[in-house]
Amino acid sequence: MTQRFALIIASALTAFVLVLMLGVGLTVGARSVVEAQAATPVTAIQVAEQLVVPAPTAVKPQLSADQAAQLAMKLAPDARMTRTPELVNLQGTLAYEVVLNQGTIYVDANSGKVLFNSVSAPVAPTTPVRNRESESEHEGGHHD
C-alpha cells in the first residue's frame, strides 16, 4: 500500500510542476509580446494618418479640389502634385489633402485656411550668380 501511495503522490507532484511551468511560460511569453509592442516607435505621420478619415460624400465643400490645389501650390511653387486632392475629415474639419512630391498640405475645404503643411521651405542660394561681363571685368579684361 505504501508503494501505491508513493506513486500517487509522485504523479500529483509531477502534474503540479508541469502546470506551474506552463503558467510561468505563458506569463513570460505574454510579457515579451507586450514589451515588443510597447517598444515599437510611432511616427508623427502614423499618428496623423489615424486622425485623417475619408469625408462623407454627402457634404458639399465651399472650395473645389482645384482651388485647394492652387492654394497649396502657392505655398510650394517648385513642388508637383502626385495625385488629385482628396476630401477628408481632419480632426472634425472638412479638408482637402493635397499630396505633393515634397510633402502634404491640408486645406480647409470651406475657409481655404491651411490646416497642416509638411512641405519644407525652399532654400535660397548662398552664392551670388554673376553674369559674364562682371566676371571679365574682375579678371582684368575691359569691354570698350
N, C-alpha and C. Protein backbone atom coordinates (compact mmCIF):
# COMPACT_ATOMS: atom_id res chain seq x y z
N MET A 1 0.81 -1.18 0.00
CA MET A 1 0.00 0.00 0.00
C MET A 1 0.86 1.25 0.00
N THR A 2 1.99 1.21 0.60
CA THR A 2 2.86 2.38 0.65
C THR A 2 3.45 2.68 -0.71
N GLN A 3 3.71 1.65 -1.50
CA GLN A 3 4.24 1.88 -2.84
C GLN A 3 3.18 2.56 -3.72
N ARG A 4 1.97 2.14 -3.63
CA ARG A 4 0.89 2.74 -4.38
C ARG A 4 0.69 4.19 -3.95
N PHE A 5 0.73 4.48 -2.69
CA PHE A 5 0.57 5.83 -2.15
C PHE A 5 1.71 6.74 -2.66
N ALA A 6 2.93 6.21 -2.67
CA ALA A 6 4.08 6.98 -3.15
C ALA A 6 3.93 7.29 -4.64
N LEU A 7 3.42 6.32 -5.41
CA LEU A 7 3.20 6.54 -6.83
C LEU A 7 2.14 7.61 -7.08
N ILE A 8 1.09 7.64 -6.31
CA ILE A 8 0.05 8.66 -6.44
C ILE A 8 0.60 10.03 -6.09
N ILE A 9 1.38 10.13 -5.03
CA ILE A 9 1.98 11.40 -4.62
C ILE A 9 2.94 11.89 -5.72
N ALA A 10 3.76 11.01 -6.29
CA ALA A 10 4.71 11.39 -7.32
C ALA A 10 3.97 11.88 -8.57
N SER A 11 2.90 11.22 -8.94
CA SER A 11 2.11 11.64 -10.10
C SER A 11 1.48 13.02 -9.87
N ALA A 12 0.96 13.24 -8.68
CA ALA A 12 0.34 14.53 -8.34
C ALA A 12 1.38 15.65 -8.37
N LEU A 13 2.56 15.39 -7.83
CA LEU A 13 3.63 16.40 -7.83
C LEU A 13 4.09 16.70 -9.26
N THR A 14 4.20 15.68 -10.08
CA THR A 14 4.61 15.87 -11.47
C THR A 14 3.59 16.73 -12.21
N ALA A 15 2.33 16.44 -12.03
CA ALA A 15 1.27 17.23 -12.68
C ALA A 15 1.30 18.67 -12.20
N PHE A 16 1.51 18.88 -10.92
CA PHE A 16 1.57 20.22 -10.35
C PHE A 16 2.75 21.01 -10.94
N VAL A 17 3.91 20.37 -11.03
CA VAL A 17 5.10 21.04 -11.58
C VAL A 17 4.88 21.38 -13.06
N LEU A 18 4.28 20.49 -13.83
CA LEU A 18 4.02 20.75 -15.24
C LEU A 18 3.05 21.95 -15.41
N VAL A 19 2.00 21.99 -14.62
CA VAL A 19 1.05 23.10 -14.69
C VAL A 19 1.73 24.40 -14.29
N LEU A 20 2.56 24.36 -13.27
CA LEU A 20 3.29 25.54 -12.82
C LEU A 20 4.24 26.05 -13.91
N MET A 21 4.96 25.13 -14.56
CA MET A 21 5.87 25.52 -15.63
C MET A 21 5.12 26.11 -16.82
N LEU A 22 3.99 25.54 -17.15
CA LEU A 22 3.17 26.05 -18.25
C LEU A 22 2.69 27.46 -17.94
N GLY A 23 2.26 27.70 -16.73
CA GLY A 23 1.80 29.03 -16.32
C GLY A 23 2.91 30.07 -16.40
N VAL A 24 4.10 29.72 -15.93
CA VAL A 24 5.25 30.63 -15.99
C VAL A 24 5.63 30.90 -17.44
N GLY A 25 5.64 29.87 -18.27
CA GLY A 25 5.97 30.05 -19.68
C GLY A 25 5.01 30.98 -20.39
N LEU A 26 3.72 30.83 -20.14
CA LEU A 26 2.72 31.71 -20.76
C LEU A 26 2.85 33.15 -20.27
N THR A 27 3.13 33.33 -18.99
CA THR A 27 3.30 34.67 -18.44
C THR A 27 4.50 35.36 -19.05
N VAL A 28 5.63 34.68 -19.16
CA VAL A 28 6.84 35.25 -19.74
C VAL A 28 6.62 35.56 -21.22
N GLY A 29 5.97 34.67 -21.94
CA GLY A 29 5.70 34.89 -23.36
C GLY A 29 4.79 36.08 -23.59
N ALA A 30 3.75 36.21 -22.79
CA ALA A 30 2.83 37.34 -22.92
C ALA A 30 3.53 38.65 -22.59
N ARG A 31 4.39 38.64 -21.59
CA ARG A 31 5.11 39.84 -21.20
C ARG A 31 6.04 40.30 -22.32
N SER A 32 6.73 39.37 -22.98
CA SER A 32 7.64 39.77 -24.05
C SER A 32 6.89 40.31 -25.26
N VAL A 33 5.67 39.82 -25.52
CA VAL A 33 4.86 40.36 -26.60
C VAL A 33 4.44 41.79 -26.28
N VAL A 34 4.02 42.03 -25.04
CA VAL A 34 3.62 43.37 -24.63
C VAL A 34 4.80 44.33 -24.69
N GLU A 35 5.98 43.89 -24.24
CA GLU A 35 7.17 44.73 -24.29
C GLU A 35 7.57 45.03 -25.73
N ALA A 36 7.43 44.07 -26.63
CA ALA A 36 7.77 44.30 -28.03
C ALA A 36 6.82 45.31 -28.66
N GLN A 37 5.54 45.25 -28.32
CA GLN A 37 4.59 46.22 -28.85
C GLN A 37 4.85 47.61 -28.29
N ALA A 38 5.22 47.70 -27.03
CA ALA A 38 5.50 49.00 -26.41
C ALA A 38 6.77 49.60 -26.96
N ALA A 39 7.72 48.79 -27.42
CA ALA A 39 8.99 49.28 -27.91
C ALA A 39 8.92 49.78 -29.35
N THR A 40 7.84 49.48 -30.07
CA THR A 40 7.70 49.90 -31.46
C THR A 40 7.42 51.39 -31.50
N PRO A 41 8.30 52.19 -32.16
CA PRO A 41 8.08 53.63 -32.20
C PRO A 41 6.94 54.00 -33.13
N VAL A 42 6.23 55.07 -32.79
CA VAL A 42 5.13 55.57 -33.60
C VAL A 42 5.55 56.93 -34.13
N THR A 43 5.53 57.11 -35.43
CA THR A 43 5.95 58.37 -36.03
C THR A 43 4.78 59.35 -36.07
N ALA A 44 5.10 60.61 -36.28
CA ALA A 44 4.08 61.65 -36.37
C ALA A 44 3.16 61.40 -37.56
N ILE A 45 3.72 60.87 -38.63
CA ILE A 45 2.91 60.58 -39.82
C ILE A 45 1.89 59.50 -39.51
N GLN A 46 2.29 58.47 -38.74
CA GLN A 46 1.35 57.41 -38.39
C GLN A 46 0.22 57.96 -37.52
N VAL A 47 0.55 58.88 -36.62
CA VAL A 47 -0.48 59.49 -35.77
C VAL A 47 -1.42 60.33 -36.64
N ALA A 48 -0.86 61.11 -37.56
CA ALA A 48 -1.68 61.94 -38.44
C ALA A 48 -2.59 61.09 -39.32
N GLU A 49 -2.08 59.96 -39.81
CA GLU A 49 -2.89 59.08 -40.65
C GLU A 49 -4.08 58.53 -39.88
N GLN A 50 -3.91 58.35 -38.57
CA GLN A 50 -5.02 57.85 -37.77
C GLN A 50 -6.07 58.94 -37.55
N LEU A 51 -5.68 60.21 -37.65
CA LEU A 51 -6.60 61.31 -37.45
C LEU A 51 -7.36 61.67 -38.72
N VAL A 52 -6.88 61.23 -39.86
CA VAL A 52 -7.49 61.56 -41.14
C VAL A 52 -8.37 60.40 -41.60
N VAL A 53 -9.63 60.70 -41.84
CA VAL A 53 -10.56 59.68 -42.34
C VAL A 53 -11.26 60.26 -43.56
N PRO A 54 -11.70 59.42 -44.49
CA PRO A 54 -12.42 59.94 -45.65
C PRO A 54 -13.66 60.72 -45.22
N ALA A 55 -13.92 61.82 -45.92
CA ALA A 55 -15.08 62.65 -45.60
C ALA A 55 -16.34 62.02 -46.15
N PRO A 56 -17.47 62.28 -45.51
CA PRO A 56 -18.73 61.76 -46.06
C PRO A 56 -19.00 62.39 -47.42
N THR A 57 -19.55 61.62 -48.33
CA THR A 57 -19.77 62.10 -49.70
C THR A 57 -20.93 63.07 -49.79
N ALA A 58 -21.83 63.11 -48.81
CA ALA A 58 -22.98 63.99 -48.87
C ALA A 58 -22.62 65.44 -48.53
N VAL A 59 -21.43 65.67 -47.96
CA VAL A 59 -21.03 67.02 -47.56
C VAL A 59 -20.53 67.79 -48.78
N LYS A 60 -21.01 69.03 -48.95
CA LYS A 60 -20.62 69.86 -50.08
C LYS A 60 -19.69 70.97 -49.58
N PRO A 61 -18.41 70.96 -49.97
CA PRO A 61 -17.46 71.98 -49.51
C PRO A 61 -17.62 73.29 -50.28
N GLN A 62 -17.13 74.39 -49.69
CA GLN A 62 -17.16 75.70 -50.34
C GLN A 62 -16.12 75.77 -51.46
N LEU A 63 -14.94 75.15 -51.26
CA LEU A 63 -13.86 75.16 -52.23
C LEU A 63 -13.89 73.91 -53.09
N SER A 64 -13.37 74.02 -54.28
CA SER A 64 -13.22 72.84 -55.13
C SER A 64 -11.84 72.24 -54.91
N ALA A 65 -11.64 71.04 -55.41
CA ALA A 65 -10.33 70.39 -55.30
C ALA A 65 -9.28 71.19 -56.06
N ASP A 66 -9.65 71.79 -57.19
CA ASP A 66 -8.71 72.61 -57.97
C ASP A 66 -8.29 73.85 -57.20
N GLN A 67 -9.24 74.49 -56.50
CA GLN A 67 -8.91 75.68 -55.71
C GLN A 67 -7.97 75.32 -54.57
N ALA A 68 -8.22 74.19 -53.92
CA ALA A 68 -7.34 73.74 -52.84
C ALA A 68 -5.94 73.45 -53.39
N ALA A 69 -5.87 72.85 -54.55
CA ALA A 69 -4.57 72.56 -55.18
C ALA A 69 -3.83 73.85 -55.49
N GLN A 70 -4.54 74.87 -56.00
CA GLN A 70 -3.91 76.16 -56.30
C GLN A 70 -3.36 76.82 -55.04
N LEU A 71 -4.12 76.76 -53.94
CA LEU A 71 -3.64 77.32 -52.67
C LEU A 71 -2.39 76.59 -52.20
N ALA A 72 -2.39 75.29 -52.30
CA ALA A 72 -1.22 74.50 -51.86
C ALA A 72 -0.01 74.79 -52.74
N MET A 73 -0.23 74.93 -54.03
CA MET A 73 0.89 75.18 -54.94
C MET A 73 1.51 76.56 -54.72
N LYS A 74 0.74 77.51 -54.19
CA LYS A 74 1.30 78.82 -53.85
C LYS A 74 2.31 78.69 -52.71
N LEU A 75 2.07 77.74 -51.82
CA LEU A 75 2.98 77.52 -50.69
C LEU A 75 4.22 76.74 -51.11
N ALA A 76 4.10 75.97 -52.16
CA ALA A 76 5.22 75.14 -52.64
C ALA A 76 5.29 75.24 -54.15
N PRO A 77 5.75 76.38 -54.67
CA PRO A 77 5.72 76.58 -56.12
C PRO A 77 6.61 75.62 -56.91
N ASP A 78 7.65 75.06 -56.30
CA ASP A 78 8.53 74.13 -57.01
C ASP A 78 8.05 72.68 -56.91
N ALA A 79 7.02 72.44 -56.14
CA ALA A 79 6.52 71.08 -55.95
C ALA A 79 5.54 70.73 -57.06
N ARG A 80 5.26 69.44 -57.16
CA ARG A 80 4.23 68.99 -58.11
C ARG A 80 3.32 68.00 -57.39
N MET A 81 2.06 68.00 -57.78
CA MET A 81 1.09 67.11 -57.16
C MET A 81 1.34 65.68 -57.61
N THR A 82 1.21 64.75 -56.67
CA THR A 82 1.39 63.34 -57.01
C THR A 82 0.05 62.64 -57.24
N ARG A 83 -1.04 63.27 -56.79
CA ARG A 83 -2.38 62.74 -57.05
C ARG A 83 -3.41 63.85 -56.86
N THR A 84 -4.62 63.61 -57.27
CA THR A 84 -5.70 64.58 -57.17
C THR A 84 -6.03 64.82 -55.69
N PRO A 85 -6.26 66.10 -55.29
CA PRO A 85 -6.63 66.37 -53.90
C PRO A 85 -7.87 65.59 -53.49
N GLU A 86 -7.82 65.07 -52.27
CA GLU A 86 -8.91 64.23 -51.78
C GLU A 86 -9.57 64.91 -50.60
N LEU A 87 -10.89 64.87 -50.56
CA LEU A 87 -11.66 65.44 -49.47
C LEU A 87 -11.61 64.47 -48.28
N VAL A 88 -11.14 64.97 -47.11
CA VAL A 88 -11.01 64.13 -45.92
C VAL A 88 -11.57 64.87 -44.71
N ASN A 89 -11.69 64.14 -43.62
CA ASN A 89 -12.09 64.70 -42.34
C ASN A 89 -10.84 64.75 -41.47
N LEU A 90 -10.31 65.94 -41.21
CA LEU A 90 -9.10 66.11 -40.41
C LEU A 90 -9.50 66.62 -39.05
N GLN A 91 -9.55 65.73 -38.09
CA GLN A 91 -9.93 66.05 -36.71
C GLN A 91 -11.24 66.83 -36.65
N GLY A 92 -12.23 66.40 -37.42
CA GLY A 92 -13.55 67.02 -37.39
C GLY A 92 -13.72 68.17 -38.37
N THR A 93 -12.68 68.51 -39.12
CA THR A 93 -12.75 69.60 -40.09
C THR A 93 -12.69 69.03 -41.50
N LEU A 94 -13.61 69.47 -42.34
CA LEU A 94 -13.62 69.03 -43.73
C LEU A 94 -12.45 69.70 -44.44
N ALA A 95 -11.55 68.90 -45.02
CA ALA A 95 -10.34 69.45 -45.62
C ALA A 95 -9.97 68.67 -46.87
N TYR A 96 -9.16 69.35 -47.71
CA TYR A 96 -8.57 68.68 -48.86
C TYR A 96 -7.15 68.26 -48.49
N GLU A 97 -6.83 67.02 -48.81
CA GLU A 97 -5.47 66.50 -48.62
C GLU A 97 -4.77 66.65 -49.97
N VAL A 98 -3.82 67.59 -50.03
CA VAL A 98 -3.08 67.83 -51.27
C VAL A 98 -1.70 67.21 -51.10
N VAL A 99 -1.47 66.11 -51.80
CA VAL A 99 -0.21 65.38 -51.68
C VAL A 99 0.73 65.84 -52.79
N LEU A 100 1.89 66.35 -52.37
CA LEU A 100 2.90 66.85 -53.29
C LEU A 100 4.14 65.98 -53.19
N ASN A 101 5.04 66.11 -54.14
CA ASN A 101 6.27 65.32 -54.08
C ASN A 101 7.19 65.78 -52.95
N GLN A 102 6.91 66.93 -52.35
CA GLN A 102 7.72 67.44 -51.24
C GLN A 102 7.04 67.34 -49.89
N GLY A 103 5.82 66.86 -49.84
CA GLY A 103 5.10 66.75 -48.57
C GLY A 103 3.60 66.81 -48.81
N THR A 104 2.86 67.00 -47.73
CA THR A 104 1.40 67.04 -47.80
C THR A 104 0.89 68.32 -47.16
N ILE A 105 -0.11 68.93 -47.78
CA ILE A 105 -0.74 70.13 -47.25
C ILE A 105 -2.23 69.86 -47.12
N TYR A 106 -2.79 70.19 -45.96
CA TYR A 106 -4.22 70.05 -45.73
C TYR A 106 -4.85 71.44 -45.75
N VAL A 107 -5.85 71.64 -46.61
CA VAL A 107 -6.51 72.92 -46.78
C VAL A 107 -7.97 72.78 -46.35
N ASP A 108 -8.41 73.68 -45.47
CA ASP A 108 -9.81 73.69 -45.03
C ASP A 108 -10.70 73.84 -46.26
N ALA A 109 -11.63 72.92 -46.45
CA ALA A 109 -12.47 72.90 -47.65
C ALA A 109 -13.51 74.00 -47.67
N ASN A 110 -13.71 74.69 -46.55
CA ASN A 110 -14.69 75.77 -46.51
C ASN A 110 -14.04 77.15 -46.45
N SER A 111 -12.98 77.31 -45.66
CA SER A 111 -12.37 78.62 -45.49
C SER A 111 -11.13 78.83 -46.36
N GLY A 112 -10.50 77.75 -46.81
CA GLY A 112 -9.26 77.86 -47.57
C GLY A 112 -8.03 78.02 -46.70
N LYS A 113 -8.21 77.97 -45.40
CA LYS A 113 -7.10 78.10 -44.45
C LYS A 113 -6.24 76.84 -44.49
N VAL A 114 -4.93 77.00 -44.41
CA VAL A 114 -4.02 75.86 -44.39
C VAL A 114 -4.03 75.29 -42.97
N LEU A 115 -4.42 74.03 -42.84
CA LEU A 115 -4.50 73.39 -41.54
C LEU A 115 -3.20 72.69 -41.14
N PHE A 116 -2.49 72.19 -42.14
CA PHE A 116 -1.22 71.48 -41.90
C PHE A 116 -0.38 71.56 -43.14
N ASN A 117 0.92 71.80 -42.95
CA ASN A 117 1.84 71.92 -44.08
C ASN A 117 3.13 71.20 -43.73
N SER A 118 3.41 70.09 -44.39
CA SER A 118 4.65 69.35 -44.13
C SER A 118 5.70 69.59 -45.21
N VAL A 119 5.41 70.52 -46.14
CA VAL A 119 6.36 70.83 -47.20
C VAL A 119 7.45 71.72 -46.63
N SER A 120 8.71 71.36 -46.89
CA SER A 120 9.80 72.18 -46.38
C SER A 120 9.91 73.47 -47.17
N ALA A 121 10.39 74.51 -46.50
CA ALA A 121 10.54 75.82 -47.15
C ALA A 121 11.68 75.77 -48.14
N PRO A 122 11.55 76.46 -49.27
CA PRO A 122 12.64 76.46 -50.25
C PRO A 122 13.88 77.15 -49.68
N VAL A 123 15.04 76.67 -50.06
CA VAL A 123 16.30 77.21 -49.58
C VAL A 123 16.84 78.18 -50.62
N ALA A 124 17.22 79.39 -50.16
CA ALA A 124 17.77 80.41 -51.07
C ALA A 124 19.21 80.07 -51.40
N PRO A 125 19.65 80.37 -52.62
CA PRO A 125 21.05 80.08 -52.96
C PRO A 125 21.99 80.93 -52.11
N THR A 126 23.14 80.37 -51.75
CA THR A 126 24.08 81.06 -50.87
C THR A 126 25.18 81.78 -51.64
N THR A 127 25.43 81.40 -52.88
CA THR A 127 26.47 82.07 -53.67
C THR A 127 25.82 82.94 -54.73
N PRO A 128 26.31 84.18 -54.89
CA PRO A 128 25.70 85.06 -55.88
C PRO A 128 25.99 84.58 -57.29
N VAL A 129 25.08 84.84 -58.18
CA VAL A 129 25.23 84.46 -59.58
C VAL A 129 25.73 85.68 -60.33
N ARG A 130 26.81 85.52 -61.08
CA ARG A 130 27.40 86.64 -61.84
C ARG A 130 27.17 86.42 -63.33
N ASN A 131 27.05 87.53 -64.05
CA ASN A 131 26.96 87.39 -65.50
C ASN A 131 28.36 87.47 -66.10
N ARG A 132 28.49 87.18 -67.35
CA ARG A 132 29.82 87.10 -67.99
C ARG A 132 30.54 88.44 -67.99
N GLU A 133 29.85 89.55 -68.14
CA GLU A 133 30.51 90.86 -68.18
C GLU A 133 31.19 91.17 -66.86
N SER A 134 30.49 90.90 -65.75
CA SER A 134 31.10 91.21 -64.46
C SER A 134 32.28 90.30 -64.19
N GLU A 135 32.25 89.04 -64.67
CA GLU A 135 33.39 88.13 -64.47
C GLU A 135 34.60 88.61 -65.26
N SER A 136 34.41 89.07 -66.49
CA SER A 136 35.55 89.50 -67.30
C SER A 136 36.16 90.78 -66.74
N GLU A 137 35.36 91.65 -66.13
CA GLU A 137 35.90 92.87 -65.52
C GLU A 137 36.74 92.52 -64.31
N HIS A 138 36.32 91.51 -63.52
CA HIS A 138 37.08 91.11 -62.34
C HIS A 138 38.37 90.41 -62.72
N GLU A 139 38.41 89.82 -63.90
CA GLU A 139 39.63 89.13 -64.33
C GLU A 139 40.61 90.05 -64.99
N GLY A 140 40.30 91.33 -65.09
CA GLY A 140 41.23 92.29 -65.67
C GLY A 140 40.90 92.67 -67.09
N GLY A 141 39.98 92.02 -67.72
CA GLY A 141 39.59 92.35 -69.09
C GLY A 141 38.61 93.49 -69.11
N HIS A 142 38.64 94.36 -70.09
CA HIS A 142 37.72 95.50 -70.20
C HIS A 142 36.98 95.42 -71.52
N HIS A 143 35.74 95.81 -71.50
CA HIS A 143 34.96 95.90 -72.73
C HIS A 143 34.81 97.35 -73.11
N ASP A 144 35.11 97.69 -74.35
CA ASP A 144 35.00 99.06 -74.83
C ASP A 144 33.70 99.30 -75.51
